[in-house]
Amino acid sequence: MLPSTIPLFPLPNVVLFPNVCLPLHIFEPRYREMVAHTLDADRIIGMVLLRPGWEGEYEGRPAVYGIGCAGLITHAERLDDGRYNLVLRGLQKFKVAEEDHSRRYRMATIEPVLETVVDADRATIAAERRRLEALLVPQPSGRGVDPKMPPSMPDEELVNALAQYLDLEVVEKQALLERDGLVQRCRSLIDLLEMKVIVSGHKWSPGNC
């Protein structure tokens, strides 16, 4: 269970997903302060994406998307000059309810968003996972699945890891995070990748040279 109030770390180019690890380098004074306080507390930080147009007011509190993902600091290295190298592991989605402006860094009251996969969804997820694997690493008939996508990896971790690490636009990743549960996220990821394949094929078609 997430605490009701957590620090926010807004970035313009990063979206965190549950059960996925994210390396971070913290150098701004206000966020170094945030990390120091967090390490003395519950080690939880909420990652949120900055909305377009943030550049002119980055030093203030530019608008963020309302859905983020909380992460637990699993590794922290404090450098001699006060900067930090962190590893954050995604815990759970949340909705920003209200911001607290009492500190230099950003704090927010949040509402956790549960993404429970019920037994009835397991067969659907398994089928969608096969579609996703075939799309990413197509294999000749009879060769099975590429070992780079280990079958032992839980469905939730696989879908969320692909959503975070694939070369997608950051707003596309945000849209995937906001999808209502794992089944919808997986289907949206498949639709997105299929569309990119179509666009890529059209772009490089000999008839378009």
C-alpha atoms as a PDB file:
ATOM      1  CA  MET A   1       0.000   0.000   0.000  1.00  0.00           C
ATOM      2  CA  LEU A   2       1.324   3.409  -0.982  1.00  0.00           C
ATOM      3  CA  PRO A   3       1.428   6.278   1.497  1.00  0.00           C
ATOM      4  CA  SER A   4      -1.192   8.979   0.942  1.00  0.00           C
ATOM      5  CA  THR A   5       1.470  11.650   0.311  1.00  0.00           C
ATOM      6  CA  ILE A   6       4.655  11.100  -1.689  1.00  0.00           C
ATOM      7  CA  PRO A   7       7.364  13.275  -3.295  1.00  0.00           C
ATOM      8  CA  LEU A   8       7.058  13.762  -7.050  1.00  0.00           C
ATOM      9  CA  PHE A   9       9.969  13.621  -9.461  1.00  0.00           C
ATOM     10  CA  PRO A  10       8.753  15.100 -12.774  1.00  0.00           C
ATOM     11  CA  LEU A  11      10.773  14.496 -15.923  1.00  0.00           C
ATOM     12  CA  PRO A  12      10.081  15.362 -19.574  1.00  0.00           C
ATOM     13  CA  ASN A  13      11.273  12.075 -21.070  1.00  0.00           C
ATOM     14  CA  VAL A  14      10.750   9.217 -18.592  1.00  0.00           C
ATOM     15  CA  VAL A  15       7.732   7.054 -17.749  1.00  0.00           C
ATOM     16  CA  LEU A  16       8.022   4.409 -15.033  1.00  0.00           C
ATOM     17  CA  PHE A  17       5.951   1.217 -15.020  1.00  0.00           C
ATOM     18  CA  PRO A  18       5.189  -1.191 -12.151  1.00  0.00           C
ATOM     19  CA  ASN A  19       7.746  -3.956 -11.566  1.00  0.00           C
ATOM     20  CA  VAL A  20      10.330  -2.318 -13.852  1.00  0.00           C
ATOM     21  CA  CYS A  21      13.663  -0.844 -12.715  1.00  0.00           C
ATOM     22  CA  LEU A  22      14.810   2.643 -13.662  1.00  0.00           C
ATOM     23  CA  PRO A  23      18.306   4.122 -13.122  1.00  0.00           C
ATOM     24  CA  LEU A  24      18.301   7.803 -12.199  1.00  0.00           C
ATOM     25  CA  HIS A  25      20.957  10.466 -11.754  1.00  0.00           C
ATOM     26  CA  ILE A  26      19.860  13.217  -9.350  1.00  0.00           C
ATOM     27  CA  PHE A  27      21.736  16.514  -9.591  1.00  0.00           C
ATOM     28  CA  GLU A  28      19.338  19.411  -8.989  1.00  0.00           C
ATOM     29  CA  PRO A  29      19.568  20.767  -5.413  1.00  0.00           C
ATOM     30  CA  ARG A  30      15.820  20.510  -4.763  1.00  0.00           C
ATOM     31  CA  TYR A  31      15.717  16.873  -5.833  1.00  0.00           C
ATOM     32  CA  ARG A  32      18.898  16.003  -3.965  1.00  0.00           C
ATOM     33  CA  GLU A  33      17.050  17.311  -0.915  1.00  0.00           C
ATOM     34  CA  MET A  34      14.078  15.149  -1.886  1.00  0.00           C
ATOM     35  CA  VAL A  35      16.227  12.027  -2.116  1.00  0.00           C
ATOM     36  CA  ALA A  36      17.928  12.711   1.221  1.00  0.00           C
ATOM     37  CA  HIS A  37      14.553  13.059   2.945  1.00  0.00           C
ATOM     38  CA  THR A  38      13.147  10.004   1.167  1.00  0.00           C
ATOM     39  CA  LEU A  39      16.076   7.792   2.116  1.00  0.00           C
ATOM     40  CA  ASP A  40      15.427   8.660   5.758  1.00  0.00           C
ATOM     41  CA  ALA A  41      11.745   7.752   5.344  1.00  0.00           C
ATOM     42  CA  ASP A  42       9.994   5.109   3.209  1.00  0.00           C
ATOM     43  CA  ARG A  43      12.247   5.388   0.093  1.00  0.00           C
ATOM     44  CA  ILE A  44       9.225   5.929  -2.184  1.00  0.00           C
ATOM     45  CA  ILE A  45       9.210   8.473  -5.041  1.00  0.00           C
ATOM     46  CA  GLY A  46       6.421   9.174  -7.512  1.00  0.00           C
ATOM     47  CA  MET A  47       7.546   9.491 -11.124  1.00  0.00           C
ATOM     48  CA  VAL A  48       5.372  11.757 -13.286  1.00  0.00           C
ATOM     49  CA  LEU A  49       5.713  13.029 -16.837  1.00  0.00           C
ATOM     50  CA  LEU A  50       5.841  16.756 -17.572  1.00  0.00           C
ATOM     51  CA  ARG A  51       3.193  17.994 -19.971  1.00  0.00           C
ATOM     52  CA  PRO A  52       4.237  19.739 -23.206  1.00  0.00           C
ATOM     53  CA  GLY A  53       5.241  23.372 -22.690  1.00  0.00           C
ATOM     54  CA  TRP A  54       7.209  22.719 -19.499  1.00  0.00           C
ATOM     55  CA  GLU A  55      10.419  24.310 -20.817  1.00  0.00           C
ATOM     56  CA  GLY A  56       9.573  27.897 -19.911  1.00  0.00           C
ATOM     57  CA  GLU A  57       8.802  27.156 -16.267  1.00  0.00           C
ATOM     58  CA  TYR A  58      10.907  24.109 -15.429  1.00  0.00           C
ATOM     59  CA  GLU A  59      12.426  25.813 -12.386  1.00  0.00           C
ATOM     60  CA  GLY A  60       8.919  26.249 -10.990  1.00  0.00           C
ATOM     61  CA  ARG A  61       6.114  23.708 -10.972  1.00  0.00           C
ATOM     62  CA  PRO A  62       5.045  23.060 -14.575  1.00  0.00           C
ATOM     63  CA  ALA A  63       2.001  20.915 -15.256  1.00  0.00           C
ATOM     64  CA  VAL A  64       2.319  17.142 -15.102  1.00  0.00           C
ATOM     65  CA  TYR A  65       0.129  14.296 -16.307  1.00  0.00           C
ATOM     66  CA  GLY A  66      -2.308  13.142 -13.656  1.00  0.00           C
ATOM     67  CA  ILE A  67      -1.271   9.480 -13.694  1.00  0.00           C
ATOM     68  CA  GLY A  68       2.190   8.407 -12.518  1.00  0.00           C
ATOM     69  CA  CYS A  69       3.950   5.425 -11.028  1.00  0.00           C
ATOM     70  CA  ALA A  70       5.470   5.209  -7.569  1.00  0.00           C
ATOM     71  CA  GLY A  71       8.832   3.522  -7.203  1.00  0.00           C
ATOM     72  CA  LEU A  72      10.961   2.228  -4.362  1.00  0.00           C
ATOM     73  CA  ILE A  73      14.624   3.237  -4.143  1.00  0.00           C
ATOM     74  CA  THR A  74      16.396  -0.129  -4.116  1.00  0.00           C
ATOM     75  CA  HIS A  75      19.907   1.257  -4.552  1.00  0.00           C
ATOM     76  CA  ALA A  76      21.349   4.670  -3.667  1.00  0.00           C
ATOM     77  CA  GLU A  77      24.862   6.000  -4.134  1.00  0.00           C
ATOM     78  CA  ARG A  78      25.661   9.474  -2.840  1.00  0.00           C
ATOM     79  CA  LEU A  79      28.529  11.091  -4.725  1.00  0.00           C
ATOM     80  CA  ASP A  80      31.097  13.404  -3.152  1.00  0.00           C
ATOM     81  CA  ASP A  81      29.476  16.526  -4.610  1.00  0.00           C
ATOM     82  CA  GLY A  82      26.031  15.636  -3.251  1.00  0.00           C
ATOM     83  CA  ARG A  83      24.560  14.135  -6.404  1.00  0.00           C
ATOM     84  CA  TYR A  84      22.940  10.699  -6.299  1.00  0.00           C
ATOM     85  CA  ASN A  85      22.835   7.626  -8.498  1.00  0.00           C
ATOM     86  CA  LEU A  86      19.652   5.671  -7.815  1.00  0.00           C
ATOM     87  CA  VAL A  87      17.833   2.582  -8.953  1.00  0.00           C
ATOM     88  CA  LEU A  88      14.081   2.873  -8.656  1.00  0.00           C
ATOM     89  CA  ARG A  89      11.774  -0.147  -8.930  1.00  0.00           C
ATOM     90  CA  GLY A  90       8.214   0.554 -10.005  1.00  0.00           C
ATOM     91  CA  LEU A  91       5.597  -0.314  -7.407  1.00  0.00           C
ATOM     92  CA  GLN A  92       2.145   0.926  -8.358  1.00  0.00           C
ATOM     93  CA  LYS A  93       0.268   3.453 -10.463  1.00  0.00           C
ATOM     94  CA  PHE A  94      -1.292   6.450  -8.783  1.00  0.00           C
ATOM     95  CA  LYS A  95      -3.458   9.452  -9.546  1.00  0.00           C
ATOM     96  CA  VAL A  96      -2.336  12.906  -8.420  1.00  0.00           C
ATOM     97  CA  ALA A  97      -5.133  14.311  -6.261  1.00  0.00           C
ATOM     98  CA  GLU A  98      -3.540  17.504  -4.960  1.00  0.00           C
ATOM     99  CA  GLU A  99      -0.077  19.042  -4.749  1.00  0.00           C
ATOM    100  CA  ASP A 100       1.572  20.214  -1.549  1.00  0.00           C
ATOM    101  CA  HIS A 101       3.705  23.359  -2.038  1.00  0.00           C
ATOM    102  CA  SER A 102       5.275  23.448   1.424  1.00  0.00           C
ATOM    103  CA  ARG A 103       8.716  22.224   0.306  1.00  0.00           C
ATOM    104  CA  ARG A 104      11.231  23.155  -2.374  1.00  0.00           C
ATOM    105  CA  TYR A 105      10.595  19.875  -4.171  1.00  0.00           C
ATOM    106  CA  ARG A 106       7.167  18.690  -5.268  1.00  0.00           C
ATOM    107  CA  MET A 107       4.887  16.661  -3.007  1.00  0.00           C
ATOM    108  CA  ALA A 108       1.416  15.342  -3.764  1.00  0.00           C
ATOM    109  CA  THR A 109      -1.529  13.666  -2.151  1.00  0.00           C
ATOM    110  CA  ILE A 110      -2.223  10.628  -4.301  1.00  0.00           C
ATOM    111  CA  GLU A 111      -4.818   7.937  -4.904  1.00  0.00           C
ATOM    112  CA  PRO A 112      -3.342   4.468  -5.637  1.00  0.00           C
ATOM    113  CA  VAL A 113      -4.569   2.765  -8.808  1.00  0.00           C
ATOM    114  CA  LEU A 114      -4.818  -1.025  -8.512  1.00  0.00           C
ATOM    115  CA  GLU A 115      -4.033  -3.206 -11.532  1.00  0.00           C
ATOM    116  CA  THR A 116      -4.996  -6.659 -10.315  1.00  0.00           C
ATOM    117  CA  VAL A 117      -4.967  -9.449 -12.898  1.00  0.00           C
ATOM    118  CA  VAL A 118      -7.823 -11.818 -12.090  1.00  0.00           C
ATOM    119  CA  ASP A 119      -7.806 -15.491 -13.042  1.00  0.00           C
ATOM    120  CA  ALA A 120     -10.332 -14.866 -15.814  1.00  0.00           C
ATOM    121  CA  ASP A 121      -7.797 -12.602 -17.554  1.00  0.00           C
ATOM    122  CA  ARG A 122      -4.924 -15.092 -17.526  1.00  0.00           C
ATOM    123  CA  ALA A 123      -5.895 -16.927 -20.725  1.00  0.00           C
ATOM    124  CA  THR A 124      -6.420 -13.611 -22.504  1.00  0.00           C
ATOM    125  CA  ILE A 125      -3.057 -12.310 -21.352  1.00  0.00           C
ATOM    126  CA  ALA A 126      -1.328 -15.527 -22.465  1.00  0.00           C
ATOM    127  CA  ALA A 127      -2.798 -15.185 -25.974  1.00  0.00           C
ATOM    128  CA  GLU A 128      -1.907 -11.492 -26.200  1.00  0.00           C
ATOM    129  CA  ARG A 129       1.603 -12.260 -24.963  1.00  0.00           C
ATOM    130  CA  ARG A 130       2.085 -14.730 -27.835  1.00  0.00           C
ATOM    131  CA  ARG A 131       0.972 -12.054 -30.302  1.00  0.00           C
ATOM    132  CA  LEU A 132       3.395  -9.592 -28.763  1.00  0.00           C
ATOM    133  CA  GLU A 133       6.318 -12.025 -28.824  1.00  0.00           C
ATOM    134  CA  ALA A 134       5.609 -13.015 -32.439  1.00  0.00           C
ATOM    135  CA  LEU A 135       5.514  -9.366 -33.446  1.00  0.00           C
ATOM    136  CA  LEU A 136       8.800  -8.492 -31.744  1.00  0.00           C
ATOM    137  CA  VAL A 137      10.849 -11.596 -32.496  1.00  0.00           C
ATOM    138  CA  PRO A 138       9.227 -13.476 -35.405  1.00  0.00           C
ATOM    139  CA  GLN A 139      10.615 -16.979 -35.791  1.00  0.00           C
ATOM    140  CA  PRO A 140      10.506 -19.488 -38.662  1.00  0.00           C
ATOM    141  CA  SER A 141       7.872 -22.159 -38.212  1.00  0.00           C
ATOM    142  CA  GLY A 142       8.791 -24.750 -35.604  1.00  0.00           C
ATOM    143  CA  ARG A 143      11.541 -22.749 -33.892  1.00  0.00           C
ATOM    144  CA  GLY A 144       9.443 -21.400 -31.053  1.00  0.00           C
ATOM    145  CA  VAL A 145      10.011 -18.199 -29.136  1.00  0.00           C
ATOM    146  CA  ASP A 146      13.301 -16.338 -29.121  1.00  0.00           C
ATOM    147  CA  PRO A 147      15.134 -17.003 -25.822  1.00  0.00           C
ATOM    148  CA  LYS A 148      15.618 -13.260 -25.345  1.00  0.00           C
ATOM    149  CA  MET A 149      12.012 -13.239 -24.106  1.00  0.00           C
ATOM    150  CA  PRO A 150      12.180 -15.870 -21.348  1.00  0.00           C
ATOM    151  CA  PRO A 151       8.915 -17.796 -20.869  1.00  0.00           C
ATOM    152  CA  SER A 152       9.490 -17.760 -17.109  1.00  0.00           C
ATOM    153  CA  MET A 153       9.133 -13.965 -16.994  1.00  0.00           C
ATOM    154  CA  PRO A 154       5.708 -13.113 -15.519  1.00  0.00           C
ATOM    155  CA  ASP A 155       3.227 -11.541 -17.929  1.00  0.00           C
ATOM    156  CA  GLU A 156       2.974  -8.332 -15.911  1.00  0.00           C
ATOM    157  CA  GLU A 157       6.729  -7.820 -15.862  1.00  0.00           C
ATOM    158  CA  LEU A 158       7.141  -8.586 -19.566  1.00  0.00           C
ATOM    159  CA  VAL A 159       4.408  -6.221 -20.778  1.00  0.00           C
ATOM    160  CA  ASN A 160       5.474  -3.396 -18.469  1.00  0.00           C
ATOM    161  CA  ALA A 161       9.173  -3.825 -19.270  1.00  0.00           C
ATOM    162  CA  LEU A 162       8.475  -3.660 -23.011  1.00  0.00           C
ATOM    163  CA  ALA A 163       6.271  -0.605 -22.534  1.00  0.00           C
ATOM    164  CA  GLN A 164       9.069   1.144 -20.654  1.00  0.00           C
ATOM    165  CA  TYR A 165      12.130   0.091 -22.645  1.00  0.00           C
ATOM    166  CA  LEU A 166      10.958  -0.113 -26.265  1.00  0.00           C
ATOM    167  CA  ASP A 167      11.849   2.843 -28.474  1.00  0.00           C
ATOM    168  CA  LEU A 168       8.498   4.628 -28.271  1.00  0.00           C
ATOM    169  CA  GLU A 169       7.547   8.283 -28.017  1.00  0.00           C
ATOM    170  CA  VAL A 170       7.258   9.371 -24.399  1.00  0.00           C
ATOM    171  CA  VAL A 171       3.602  10.369 -24.859  1.00  0.00           C
ATOM    172  CA  GLU A 172       2.942   6.880 -26.213  1.00  0.00           C
ATOM    173  CA  LYS A 173       4.474   5.406 -23.077  1.00  0.00           C
ATOM    174  CA  GLN A 174       2.335   7.691 -20.935  1.00  0.00           C
ATOM    175  CA  ALA A 175      -0.758   6.525 -22.803  1.00  0.00           C
ATOM    176  CA  LEU A 176       0.237   2.906 -22.157  1.00  0.00           C
ATOM    177  CA  LEU A 177       0.683   3.616 -18.449  1.00  0.00           C
ATOM    178  CA  GLU A 178      -2.769   5.166 -18.335  1.00  0.00           C
ATOM    179  CA  ARG A 179      -4.458   2.136 -19.893  1.00  0.00           C
ATOM    180  CA  ASP A 180      -6.946   0.410 -17.629  1.00  0.00           C
ATOM    181  CA  GLY A 181      -5.083  -2.724 -16.583  1.00  0.00           C
ATOM    182  CA  LEU A 182      -2.596  -5.144 -18.053  1.00  0.00           C
ATOM    183  CA  VAL A 183      -4.827  -6.634 -20.763  1.00  0.00           C
ATOM    184  CA  GLN A 184      -5.613  -3.228 -22.237  1.00  0.00           C
ATOM    185  CA  ARG A 185      -1.973  -2.149 -21.950  1.00  0.00           C
ATOM    186  CA  CYS A 186      -0.801  -5.250 -23.796  1.00  0.00           C
ATOM    187  CA  ARG A 187      -3.386  -4.830 -26.555  1.00  0.00           C
ATOM    188  CA  SER A 188      -2.553  -1.145 -26.952  1.00  0.00           C
ATOM    189  CA  LEU A 189       1.154  -1.968 -27.127  1.00  0.00           C
ATOM    190  CA  ILE A 190       0.474  -4.518 -29.868  1.00  0.00           C
ATOM    191  CA  ASP A 191      -1.666  -2.009 -31.805  1.00  0.00           C
ATOM    192  CA  LEU A 192       1.058   0.600 -31.473  1.00  0.00           C
ATOM    193  CA  LEU A 193       3.807  -1.729 -32.688  1.00  0.00           C
ATOM    194  CA  GLU A 194       1.710  -2.995 -35.595  1.00  0.00           C
ATOM    195  CA  MET A 195       1.045   0.575 -36.667  1.00  0.00           C
ATOM    196  CA  LYS A 196       4.764   1.370 -36.544  1.00  0.00           C
ATOM    197  CA  VAL A 197       5.489  -1.670 -38.717  1.00  0.00           C
ATOM    198  CA  ILE A 198       2.900  -0.490 -41.251  1.00  0.00           C
ATOM    199  CA  VAL A 199       4.240   3.069 -41.266  1.00  0.00           C
ATOM    200  CA  SER A 200       7.820   1.861 -41.558  1.00  0.00           C
ATOM    201  CA  GLY A 201       6.942  -0.434 -44.449  1.00  0.00           C
ATOM    202  CA  HIS A 202       5.114   2.362 -46.239  1.00  0.00           C
ATOM    203  CA  LYS A 203       7.997   4.771 -45.682  1.00  0.00           C
ATOM    204  CA  TRP A 204      10.578   2.414 -47.187  1.00  0.00           C
ATOM    205  CA  SER A 205       8.427   0.934 -49.945  1.00  0.00           C
ATOM    206  CA  PRO A 206      10.229   1.006 -53.344  1.00  0.00           C
ATOM    207  CA  GLY A 207       7.192   2.743 -54.818  1.00  0.00           C
ATOM    208  CA  ASN A 208       7.824   5.690 -52.503  1.00  0.00           C
ATOM    209  CA  CYS A 209      11.446   6.253 -53.530  1.00  0.00           C
END
